[in-house]
Amino acid sequence: MKVSEIKGLVERHPFRPFAVRLNNGAQYTFKDARDVGAPKDYRLLIYFGKSEAVRIDTDSIVEIFER
């Protein structure tokens, strides 16, 4: 996945939900802007769930679903 695509999804206003599927089959849905974190270069995403935080290497993203 291109880093510019991820950056565009995270920074768009108003925020719109999106999900990512990883090369290991895991899927994460970012329903709210508070569900996602990223450093300035967007090479890493952090998914903040109800009781978990998951680091996602953007190179492992194989598909993006816009909700």
PDB file of N, CA and C in Angstrom:
ATOM      1  N   MET A   1       0.845  -1.176   0.000  1.00  0.00           N
ATOM      2  CA  MET A   1       0.000   0.000   0.000  1.00  0.00           C
ATOM      3  C   MET A   1       0.884   1.231   0.000  1.00  0.00           C
ATOM      4  N   LYS A   2       0.458   2.234  -0.680  1.00  0.00           N
ATOM      5  CA  LYS A   2       1.221   3.468  -0.718  1.00  0.00           C
ATOM      6  C   LYS A   2       0.965   4.282   0.544  1.00  0.00           C
ATOM      7  N   VAL A   3       2.042   4.798   1.095  1.00  0.00           N
ATOM      8  CA  VAL A   3       1.951   5.603   2.314  1.00  0.00           C
ATOM      9  C   VAL A   3       1.050   6.817   2.088  1.00  0.00           C
ATOM     10  N   SER A   4       1.086   7.392   0.903  1.00  0.00           N
ATOM     11  CA  SER A   4       0.260   8.568   0.617  1.00  0.00           C
ATOM     12  C   SER A   4      -1.232   8.241   0.714  1.00  0.00           C
ATOM     13  N   GLU A   5      -1.624   7.018   0.358  1.00  0.00           N
ATOM     14  CA  GLU A   5      -3.029   6.605   0.480  1.00  0.00           C
ATOM     15  C   GLU A   5      -3.446   6.548   1.945  1.00  0.00           C
ATOM     16  N   ILE A   6      -2.597   5.978   2.765  1.00  0.00           N
ATOM     17  CA  ILE A   6      -2.877   5.869   4.198  1.00  0.00           C
ATOM     18  C   ILE A   6      -2.966   7.255   4.817  1.00  0.00           C
ATOM     19  N   LYS A   7      -2.014   8.102   4.497  1.00  0.00           N
ATOM     20  CA  LYS A   7      -2.008   9.466   5.027  1.00  0.00           C
ATOM     21  C   LYS A   7      -3.300  10.192   4.653  1.00  0.00           C
ATOM     22  N   GLY A   8      -3.737  10.045   3.417  1.00  0.00           N
ATOM     23  CA  GLY A   8      -4.964  10.688   2.966  1.00  0.00           C
ATOM     24  C   GLY A   8      -6.187  10.222   3.743  1.00  0.00           C
ATOM     25  N   LEU A   9      -6.248   8.927   4.025  1.00  0.00           N
ATOM     26  CA  LEU A   9      -7.377   8.392   4.786  1.00  0.00           C
ATOM     27  C   LEU A   9      -7.388   8.894   6.222  1.00  0.00           C
ATOM     28  N   VAL A  10      -6.233   8.915   6.834  1.00  0.00           N
ATOM     29  CA  VAL A  10      -6.137   9.306   8.242  1.00  0.00           C
ATOM     30  C   VAL A  10      -6.396  10.798   8.429  1.00  0.00           C
ATOM     31  N   GLU A  11      -5.906  11.619   7.498  1.00  0.00           N
ATOM     32  CA  GLU A  11      -5.983  13.066   7.669  1.00  0.00           C
ATOM     33  C   GLU A  11      -7.209  13.733   7.058  1.00  0.00           C
ATOM     34  N   ARG A  12      -8.034  12.987   6.361  1.00  0.00           N
ATOM     35  CA  ARG A  12      -9.168  13.656   5.705  1.00  0.00           C
ATOM     36  C   ARG A  12     -10.188  14.165   6.737  1.00  0.00           C
ATOM     37  N   HIS A  13     -10.784  15.286   6.374  1.00  0.00           N
ATOM     38  CA  HIS A  13     -11.783  15.931   7.237  1.00  0.00           C
ATOM     39  C   HIS A  13     -13.057  16.124   6.451  1.00  0.00           C
ATOM     40  N   PRO A  14     -14.192  15.687   6.932  1.00  0.00           N
ATOM     41  CA  PRO A  14     -14.319  14.960   8.194  1.00  0.00           C
ATOM     42  C   PRO A  14     -13.787  13.534   8.043  1.00  0.00           C
ATOM     43  N   PHE A  15     -13.393  12.949   9.159  1.00  0.00           N
ATOM     44  CA  PHE A  15     -12.901  11.580   9.161  1.00  0.00           C
ATOM     45  C   PHE A  15     -14.015  10.641   8.702  1.00  0.00           C
ATOM     46  N   ARG A  16     -13.671   9.694   7.853  1.00  0.00           N
ATOM     47  CA  ARG A  16     -14.616   8.659   7.429  1.00  0.00           C
ATOM     48  C   ARG A  16     -14.004   7.299   7.752  1.00  0.00           C
ATOM     49  N   PRO A  17     -14.799   6.391   8.291  1.00  0.00           N
ATOM     50  CA  PRO A  17     -14.275   5.078   8.668  1.00  0.00           C
ATOM     51  C   PRO A  17     -13.638   4.333   7.495  1.00  0.00           C
ATOM     52  N   PHE A  18     -12.622   3.547   7.833  1.00  0.00           N
ATOM     53  CA  PHE A  18     -11.979   2.686   6.847  1.00  0.00           C
ATOM     54  C   PHE A  18     -11.424   1.460   7.565  1.00  0.00           C
ATOM     55  N   ALA A  19     -11.158   0.429   6.796  1.00  0.00           N
ATOM     56  CA  ALA A  19     -10.587  -0.801   7.345  1.00  0.00           C
ATOM     57  C   ALA A  19      -9.395  -1.200   6.486  1.00  0.00           C
ATOM     58  N   VAL A  20      -8.479  -1.926   7.083  1.00  0.00           N
ATOM     59  CA  VAL A  20      -7.330  -2.449   6.352  1.00  0.00           C
ATOM     60  C   VAL A  20      -7.261  -3.961   6.558  1.00  0.00           C
ATOM     61  N   ARG A  21      -6.838  -4.659   5.519  1.00  0.00           N
ATOM     62  CA  ARG A  21      -6.583  -6.095   5.616  1.00  0.00           C
ATOM     63  C   ARG A  21      -5.099  -6.290   5.413  1.00  0.00           C
ATOM     64  N   LEU A  22      -4.497  -7.114   6.264  1.00  0.00           N
ATOM     65  CA  LEU A  22      -3.061  -7.342   6.227  1.00  0.00           C
ATOM     66  C   LEU A  22      -2.722  -8.625   5.484  1.00  0.00           C
ATOM     67  N   ASN A  23      -1.451  -8.765   5.139  1.00  0.00           N
ATOM     68  CA  ASN A  23      -1.022  -9.950   4.398  1.00  0.00           C
ATOM     69  C   ASN A  23      -1.157 -11.241   5.211  1.00  0.00           C
ATOM     70  N   ASN A  24      -1.357 -11.151   6.528  1.00  0.00           N
ATOM     71  CA  ASN A  24      -1.581 -12.341   7.347  1.00  0.00           C
ATOM     72  C   ASN A  24      -3.068 -12.641   7.536  1.00  0.00           C
ATOM     73  N   GLY A  25      -3.947 -11.861   6.883  1.00  0.00           N
ATOM     74  CA  GLY A  25      -5.383 -12.068   6.948  1.00  0.00           C
ATOM     75  C   GLY A  25      -6.098 -11.254   8.018  1.00  0.00           C
ATOM     76  N   ALA A  26      -5.350 -10.653   8.931  1.00  0.00           N
ATOM     77  CA  ALA A  26      -5.972  -9.832   9.976  1.00  0.00           C
ATOM     78  C   ALA A  26      -6.610  -8.596   9.359  1.00  0.00           C
ATOM     79  N   GLN A  27      -7.697  -8.138   9.958  1.00  0.00           N
ATOM     80  CA  GLN A  27      -8.389  -6.948   9.477  1.00  0.00           C
ATOM     81  C   GLN A  27      -8.695  -6.034  10.659  1.00  0.00           C
ATOM     82  N   TYR A  28      -8.495  -4.739  10.462  1.00  0.00           N
ATOM     83  CA  TYR A  28      -8.750  -3.740  11.502  1.00  0.00           C
ATOM     84  C   TYR A  28      -9.616  -2.642  10.916  1.00  0.00           C
ATOM     85  N   THR A  29     -10.644  -2.251  11.662  1.00  0.00           N
ATOM     86  CA  THR A  29     -11.551  -1.198  11.240  1.00  0.00           C
ATOM     87  C   THR A  29     -11.345   0.026  12.107  1.00  0.00           C
ATOM     88  N   PHE A  30     -11.071   1.130  11.467  1.00  0.00           N
ATOM     89  CA  PHE A  30     -10.884   2.415  12.136  1.00  0.00           C
ATOM     90  C   PHE A  30     -12.202   3.177  11.999  1.00  0.00           C
ATOM     91  N   LYS A  31     -12.997   3.146  13.044  1.00  0.00           N
ATOM     92  CA  LYS A  31     -14.333   3.740  13.008  1.00  0.00           C
ATOM     93  C   LYS A  31     -14.342   5.212  13.374  1.00  0.00           C
ATOM     94  N   ASP A  32     -13.296   5.656  14.052  1.00  0.00           N
ATOM     95  CA  ASP A  32     -13.232   7.018  14.575  1.00  0.00           C
ATOM     96  C   ASP A  32     -11.786   7.495  14.466  1.00  0.00           C
ATOM     97  N   ALA A  33     -11.582   8.783  14.364  1.00  0.00           N
ATOM     98  CA  ALA A  33     -10.226   9.329  14.273  1.00  0.00           C
ATOM     99  C   ALA A  33      -9.378   8.942  15.481  1.00  0.00           C
ATOM    100  N   ARG A  34     -10.007   8.708  16.619  1.00  0.00           N
ATOM    101  CA  ARG A  34      -9.259   8.322  17.821  1.00  0.00           C
ATOM    102  C   ARG A  34      -8.800   6.868  17.780  1.00  0.00           C
ATOM    103  N   ASP A  35      -9.270   6.113  16.807  1.00  0.00           N
ATOM    104  CA  ASP A  35      -8.864   4.709  16.671  1.00  0.00           C
ATOM    105  C   ASP A  35      -7.509   4.545  15.998  1.00  0.00           C
ATOM    106  N   VAL A  36      -6.967   5.603  15.425  1.00  0.00           N
ATOM    107  CA  VAL A  36      -5.742   5.492  14.633  1.00  0.00           C
ATOM    108  C   VAL A  36      -4.680   6.483  15.109  1.00  0.00           C
ATOM    109  N   GLY A  37      -3.454   6.011  15.082  1.00  0.00           N
ATOM    110  CA  GLY A  37      -2.305   6.856  15.368  1.00  0.00           C
ATOM    111  C   GLY A  37      -1.232   6.558  14.336  1.00  0.00           C
ATOM    112  N   ALA A  38      -0.359   7.518  14.105  1.00  0.00           N
ATOM    113  CA  ALA A  38       0.711   7.315  13.128  1.00  0.00           C
ATOM    114  C   ALA A  38       1.802   8.354  13.337  1.00  0.00           C
ATOM    115  N   PRO A  39       3.067   7.977  13.078  1.00  0.00           N
ATOM    116  CA  PRO A  39       4.126   8.976  13.082  1.00  0.00           C
ATOM    117  C   PRO A  39       4.009   9.844  11.826  1.00  0.00           C
ATOM    118  N   LYS A  40       4.790  10.881  11.755  1.00  0.00           N
ATOM    119  CA  LYS A  40       4.682  11.824  10.633  1.00  0.00           C
ATOM    120  C   LYS A  40       4.928  11.197   9.266  1.00  0.00           C
ATOM    121  N   ASP A  41       5.737  10.133   9.202  1.00  0.00           N
ATOM    122  CA  ASP A  41       6.027   9.526   7.899  1.00  0.00           C
ATOM    123  C   ASP A  41       5.023   8.438   7.490  1.00  0.00           C
ATOM    124  N   TYR A  42       4.085   8.089   8.366  1.00  0.00           N
ATOM    125  CA  TYR A  42       3.018   7.120   8.084  1.00  0.00           C
ATOM    126  C   TYR A  42       3.525   5.751   7.641  1.00  0.00           C
ATOM    127  N   ARG A  43       4.707   5.370   8.064  1.00  0.00           N
ATOM    128  CA  ARG A  43       5.231   4.032   7.761  1.00  0.00           C
ATOM    129  C   ARG A  43       4.693   2.992   8.735  1.00  0.00           C
ATOM    130  N   LEU A  44       3.977   3.475   9.749  1.00  0.00           N
ATOM    131  CA  LEU A  44       3.420   2.629  10.782  1.00  0.00           C
ATOM    132  C   LEU A  44       2.066   3.193  11.173  1.00  0.00           C
ATOM    133  N   LEU A  45       1.083   2.332  11.349  1.00  0.00           N
ATOM    134  CA  LEU A  45      -0.216   2.732  11.890  1.00  0.00           C
ATOM    135  C   LEU A  45      -0.375   2.073  13.245  1.00  0.00           C
ATOM    136  N   ILE A  46      -1.064   2.722  14.121  1.00  0.00           N
ATOM    137  CA  ILE A  46      -1.393   2.118  15.401  1.00  0.00           C
ATOM    138  C   ILE A  46      -2.909   2.084  15.497  1.00  0.00           C
ATOM    139  N   TYR A  47      -3.432   0.877  15.687  1.00  0.00           N
ATOM    140  CA  TYR A  47      -4.859   0.678  15.862  1.00  0.00           C
ATOM    141  C   TYR A  47      -5.137   0.657  17.361  1.00  0.00           C
ATOM    142  N   PHE A  48      -6.010   1.552  17.823  1.00  0.00           N
ATOM    143  CA  PHE A  48      -6.398   1.602  19.217  1.00  0.00           C
ATOM    144  C   PHE A  48      -7.797   1.006  19.341  1.00  0.00           C
ATOM    145  N   GLY A  49      -7.882  -0.234  19.812  1.00  0.00           N
ATOM    146  CA  GLY A  49      -9.156  -0.890  20.035  1.00  0.00           C
ATOM    147  C   GLY A  49      -9.654  -0.607  21.440  1.00  0.00           C
ATOM    148  N   LYS A  50     -10.710  -1.289  21.835  1.00  0.00           N
ATOM    149  CA  LYS A  50     -11.281  -1.085  23.169  1.00  0.00           C
ATOM    150  C   LYS A  50     -10.292  -1.449  24.268  1.00  0.00           C
ATOM    151  N   SER A  51      -9.582  -2.547  24.091  1.00  0.00           N
ATOM    152  CA  SER A  51      -8.649  -2.983  25.127  1.00  0.00           C
ATOM    153  C   SER A  51      -7.319  -3.444  24.552  1.00  0.00           C
ATOM    154  N   GLU A  52      -6.992  -2.968  23.363  1.00  0.00           N
ATOM    155  CA  GLU A  52      -5.740  -3.366  22.729  1.00  0.00           C
ATOM    156  C   GLU A  52      -5.202  -2.245  21.851  1.00  0.00           C
ATOM    157  N   ALA A  53      -3.917  -2.303  21.628  1.00  0.00           N
ATOM    158  CA  ALA A  53      -3.273  -1.417  20.663  1.00  0.00           C
ATOM    159  C   ALA A  53      -2.403  -2.312  19.778  1.00  0.00           C
ATOM    160  N   VAL A  54      -2.528  -2.138  18.466  1.00  0.00           N
ATOM    161  CA  VAL A  54      -1.808  -2.984  17.524  1.00  0.00           C
ATOM    162  C   VAL A  54      -0.978  -2.101  16.604  1.00  0.00           C
ATOM    163  N   ARG A  55       0.290  -2.424  16.485  1.00  0.00           N
ATOM    164  CA  ARG A  55       1.164  -1.724  15.533  1.00  0.00           C
ATOM    165  C   ARG A  55       1.065  -2.412  14.177  1.00  0.00           C
ATOM    166  N   ILE A  56       0.833  -1.628  13.149  1.00  0.00           N
ATOM    167  CA  ILE A  56       0.667  -2.164  11.793  1.00  0.00           C
ATOM    168  C   ILE A  56       1.711  -1.531  10.889  1.00  0.00           C
ATOM    169  N   ASP A  57       2.570  -2.355  10.327  1.00  0.00           N
ATOM    170  CA  ASP A  57       3.535  -1.888   9.333  1.00  0.00           C
ATOM    171  C   ASP A  57       2.765  -1.656   8.038  1.00  0.00           C
ATOM    172  N   THR A  58       2.825  -0.472   7.485  1.00  0.00           N
ATOM    173  CA  THR A  58       2.028  -0.187   6.287  1.00  0.00           C
ATOM    174  C   THR A  58       2.421  -1.065   5.099  1.00  0.00           C
ATOM    175  N   ASP A  59       3.632  -1.621   5.118  1.00  0.00           N
ATOM    176  CA  ASP A  59       4.031  -2.541   4.042  1.00  0.00           C
ATOM    177  C   ASP A  59       3.230  -3.840   4.079  1.00  0.00           C
ATOM    178  N   SER A  60       2.609  -4.162   5.224  1.00  0.00           N
ATOM    179  CA  SER A  60       1.842  -5.402   5.342  1.00  0.00           C
ATOM    180  C   SER A  60       0.380  -5.234   4.953  1.00  0.00           C
ATOM    181  N   ILE A  61      -0.035  -4.006   4.618  1.00  0.00           N
ATOM    182  CA  ILE A  61      -1.421  -3.759   4.207  1.00  0.00           C
ATOM    183  C   ILE A  61      -1.598  -4.160   2.746  1.00  0.00           C
ATOM    184  N   VAL A  62      -2.554  -5.056   2.510  1.00  0.00           N
ATOM    185  CA  VAL A  62      -2.792  -5.519   1.132  1.00  0.00           C
ATOM    186  C   VAL A  62      -4.090  -4.968   0.547  1.00  0.00           C
ATOM    187  N   GLU A  63      -4.964  -4.486   1.424  1.00  0.00           N
ATOM    188  CA  GLU A  63      -6.254  -3.968   0.934  1.00  0.00           C
ATOM    189  C   GLU A  63      -6.812  -2.932   1.907  1.00  0.00           C
ATOM    190  N   ILE A  64      -7.460  -1.927   1.335  1.00  0.00           N
ATOM    191  CA  ILE A  64      -8.126  -0.894   2.140  1.00  0.00           C
ATOM    192  C   ILE A  64      -9.594  -0.896   1.756  1.00  0.00           C
ATOM    193  N   PHE A  65     -10.461  -0.840   2.780  1.00  0.00           N
ATOM    194  CA  PHE A  65     -11.893  -0.770   2.553  1.00  0.00           C
ATOM    195  C   PHE A  65     -12.384   0.558   3.106  1.00  0.00           C
ATOM    196  N   GLU A  66     -12.961   1.380   2.277  1.00  0.00           N
ATOM    197  CA  GLU A  66     -13.539   2.627   2.767  1.00  0.00           C
ATOM    198  C   GLU A  66     -14.987   2.368   3.127  1.00  0.00           C
ATOM    199  N   ARG A  67     -15.380   2.812   4.283  1.00  0.00           N
ATOM    200  CA  ARG A  67     -16.728   2.539   4.796  1.00  0.00           C
ATOM    201  C   ARG A  67     -17.625   3.722   4.600  1.00  0.00           C
TER     202      ARG A  67
END
